Amino acid sequence: MLQLLIILVIVAVVSGALGFTRLSAGAATLAKIIFAIMLIGIVLLIILAFMGIAILF
C-alpha cells in the first residue's frame, strides 16, 4: 500500500507540474485517502501491541 501511495504522490506532482490539474487533483485525493487508511491501520496496530494482542504473529 505504501508503494501505491508513493506512485500516486509522484503522479500528482508530475501531472501538476505539466499542467494536468484534474489528473493531479484526482491522484492527490486518492493519495490522501490511502494515507488515511494506512495511518488508521498503523495506529490500530500500535494500540493492539500495547494491549499485548499480536494479530500479525
N, C-alpha and C. Protein backbone atom coordinates (compact mmCIF):
# COMPACT_ATOMS: atom_id res chain seq x y z
N MET A 1 0.83 -1.18 0.00
CA MET A 1 0.00 0.00 0.00
C MET A 1 0.88 1.25 0.00
N LEU A 2 2.04 1.15 0.65
CA LEU A 2 2.95 2.28 0.67
C LEU A 2 3.48 2.57 -0.74
N GLN A 3 3.70 1.52 -1.50
CA GLN A 3 4.18 1.69 -2.87
C GLN A 3 3.13 2.43 -3.72
N LEU A 4 1.88 2.08 -3.55
CA LEU A 4 0.80 2.76 -4.28
C LEU A 4 0.73 4.23 -3.88
N LEU A 5 0.90 4.50 -2.60
CA LEU A 5 0.88 5.88 -2.11
C LEU A 5 2.01 6.69 -2.74
N ILE A 6 3.20 6.13 -2.79
CA ILE A 6 4.33 6.83 -3.38
C ILE A 6 4.10 7.09 -4.87
N ILE A 7 3.57 6.10 -5.57
CA ILE A 7 3.29 6.27 -7.00
C ILE A 7 2.26 7.38 -7.23
N LEU A 8 1.21 7.41 -6.42
CA LEU A 8 0.18 8.44 -6.58
C LEU A 8 0.73 9.83 -6.28
N VAL A 9 1.59 9.95 -5.30
CA VAL A 9 2.18 11.25 -5.00
C VAL A 9 3.06 11.71 -6.16
N ILE A 10 3.83 10.80 -6.72
CA ILE A 10 4.68 11.16 -7.86
C ILE A 10 3.83 11.57 -9.06
N VAL A 11 2.75 10.82 -9.32
CA VAL A 11 1.86 11.17 -10.43
C VAL A 11 1.23 12.54 -10.20
N ALA A 12 0.83 12.82 -8.97
CA ALA A 12 0.21 14.11 -8.67
C ALA A 12 1.19 15.26 -8.88
N VAL A 13 2.43 15.08 -8.45
CA VAL A 13 3.42 16.15 -8.60
C VAL A 13 3.78 16.37 -10.06
N VAL A 14 4.02 15.29 -10.79
CA VAL A 14 4.42 15.42 -12.19
C VAL A 14 3.28 15.99 -13.03
N SER A 15 2.08 15.48 -12.83
CA SER A 15 0.96 15.99 -13.63
C SER A 15 0.63 17.43 -13.26
N GLY A 16 0.82 17.80 -12.00
CA GLY A 16 0.63 19.20 -11.62
C GLY A 16 1.66 20.11 -12.26
N ALA A 17 2.89 19.63 -12.35
CA ALA A 17 3.95 20.43 -12.96
C ALA A 17 3.73 20.59 -14.46
N LEU A 18 3.13 19.58 -15.09
CA LEU A 18 2.88 19.64 -16.53
C LEU A 18 1.57 20.35 -16.89
N GLY A 19 0.77 20.68 -15.88
CA GLY A 19 -0.44 21.44 -16.15
C GLY A 19 -1.71 20.61 -16.22
N PHE A 20 -1.63 19.32 -15.92
CA PHE A 20 -2.83 18.48 -15.92
C PHE A 20 -3.46 18.56 -14.53
N THR A 21 -4.21 19.61 -14.29
CA THR A 21 -4.68 19.89 -12.94
C THR A 21 -5.74 18.89 -12.46
N ARG A 22 -6.61 18.44 -13.34
CA ARG A 22 -7.65 17.49 -12.92
C ARG A 22 -7.05 16.14 -12.56
N LEU A 23 -6.09 15.68 -13.34
CA LEU A 23 -5.41 14.43 -13.04
C LEU A 23 -4.62 14.56 -11.74
N SER A 24 -3.99 15.70 -11.56
CA SER A 24 -3.23 15.95 -10.34
C SER A 24 -4.14 15.96 -9.12
N ALA A 25 -5.28 16.58 -9.22
CA ALA A 25 -6.21 16.63 -8.10
C ALA A 25 -6.75 15.25 -7.77
N GLY A 26 -7.04 14.46 -8.79
CA GLY A 26 -7.53 13.10 -8.55
C GLY A 26 -6.49 12.22 -7.89
N ALA A 27 -5.26 12.29 -8.36
CA ALA A 27 -4.19 11.49 -7.77
C ALA A 27 -3.91 11.94 -6.34
N ALA A 28 -3.96 13.24 -6.10
CA ALA A 28 -3.73 13.74 -4.74
C ALA A 28 -4.85 13.30 -3.79
N THR A 29 -6.08 13.29 -4.27
CA THR A 29 -7.19 12.84 -3.44
C THR A 29 -7.06 11.36 -3.09
N LEU A 30 -6.72 10.54 -4.08
CA LEU A 30 -6.52 9.12 -3.81
C LEU A 30 -5.36 8.89 -2.85
N ALA A 31 -4.30 9.68 -2.99
CA ALA A 31 -3.15 9.56 -2.09
C ALA A 31 -3.55 9.91 -0.66
N LYS A 32 -4.38 10.92 -0.50
CA LYS A 32 -4.84 11.30 0.85
C LYS A 32 -5.68 10.20 1.47
N ILE A 33 -6.55 9.58 0.68
CA ILE A 33 -7.40 8.50 1.19
C ILE A 33 -6.55 7.31 1.61
N ILE A 34 -5.59 6.92 0.78
CA ILE A 34 -4.73 5.79 1.10
C ILE A 34 -3.88 6.10 2.32
N PHE A 35 -3.39 7.35 2.43
CA PHE A 35 -2.61 7.74 3.59
C PHE A 35 -3.44 7.64 4.86
N ALA A 36 -4.69 8.06 4.81
CA ALA A 36 -5.56 7.98 5.98
C ALA A 36 -5.80 6.53 6.39
N ILE A 37 -6.03 5.66 5.42
CA ILE A 37 -6.24 4.24 5.72
C ILE A 37 -4.99 3.65 6.35
N MET A 38 -3.82 3.97 5.81
CA MET A 38 -2.57 3.47 6.37
C MET A 38 -2.35 3.99 7.78
N LEU A 39 -2.65 5.26 8.00
CA LEU A 39 -2.45 5.86 9.32
C LEU A 39 -3.36 5.21 10.36
N ILE A 40 -4.61 4.96 10.00
CA ILE A 40 -5.54 4.28 10.91
C ILE A 40 -5.04 2.87 11.21
N GLY A 41 -4.56 2.16 10.21
CA GLY A 41 -4.05 0.82 10.42
C GLY A 41 -2.84 0.79 11.33
N ILE A 42 -1.91 1.72 11.14
CA ILE A 42 -0.71 1.78 11.98
C ILE A 42 -1.07 2.11 13.42
N VAL A 43 -1.96 3.07 13.62
CA VAL A 43 -2.38 3.42 14.98
C VAL A 43 -3.08 2.24 15.64
N LEU A 44 -3.91 1.53 14.90
CA LEU A 44 -4.60 0.37 15.43
C LEU A 44 -3.60 -0.72 15.84
N LEU A 45 -2.60 -0.96 15.00
CA LEU A 45 -1.59 -1.95 15.34
C LEU A 45 -0.77 -1.55 16.57
N ILE A 46 -0.47 -0.28 16.71
CA ILE A 46 0.27 0.19 17.89
C ILE A 46 -0.57 0.03 19.15
N ILE A 47 -1.84 0.36 19.08
CA ILE A 47 -2.72 0.20 20.24
C ILE A 47 -2.83 -1.27 20.63
N LEU A 48 -3.00 -2.14 19.64
CA LEU A 48 -3.09 -3.57 19.94
C LEU A 48 -1.78 -4.11 20.49
N ALA A 49 -0.66 -3.58 20.02
CA ALA A 49 0.64 -4.02 20.53
C ALA A 49 0.81 -3.62 21.99
N PHE A 50 0.35 -2.44 22.36
CA PHE A 50 0.43 -2.01 23.76
C PHE A 50 -0.49 -2.82 24.65
N MET A 51 -1.60 -3.30 24.08
CA MET A 51 -2.52 -4.12 24.86
C MET A 51 -2.04 -5.56 24.96
N GLY A 52 -1.03 -5.91 24.19
CA GLY A 52 -0.49 -7.26 24.25
C GLY A 52 -1.14 -8.23 23.30
N ILE A 53 -1.87 -7.72 22.34
CA ILE A 53 -2.55 -8.58 21.38
C ILE A 53 -1.72 -8.56 20.09
N ALA A 54 -1.19 -9.69 19.71
CA ALA A 54 -0.38 -9.78 18.50
C ALA A 54 -1.23 -10.39 17.40
N ILE A 55 -1.68 -9.56 16.45
CA ILE A 55 -2.53 -10.10 15.38
C ILE A 55 -1.70 -10.50 14.15
N LEU A 56 -0.43 -10.08 14.13
CA LEU A 56 0.40 -10.39 12.97
C LEU A 56 1.15 -11.70 13.14
N PHE A 57 1.27 -12.20 14.35
CA PHE A 57 2.08 -13.39 14.60
C PHE A 57 1.22 -14.54 15.06
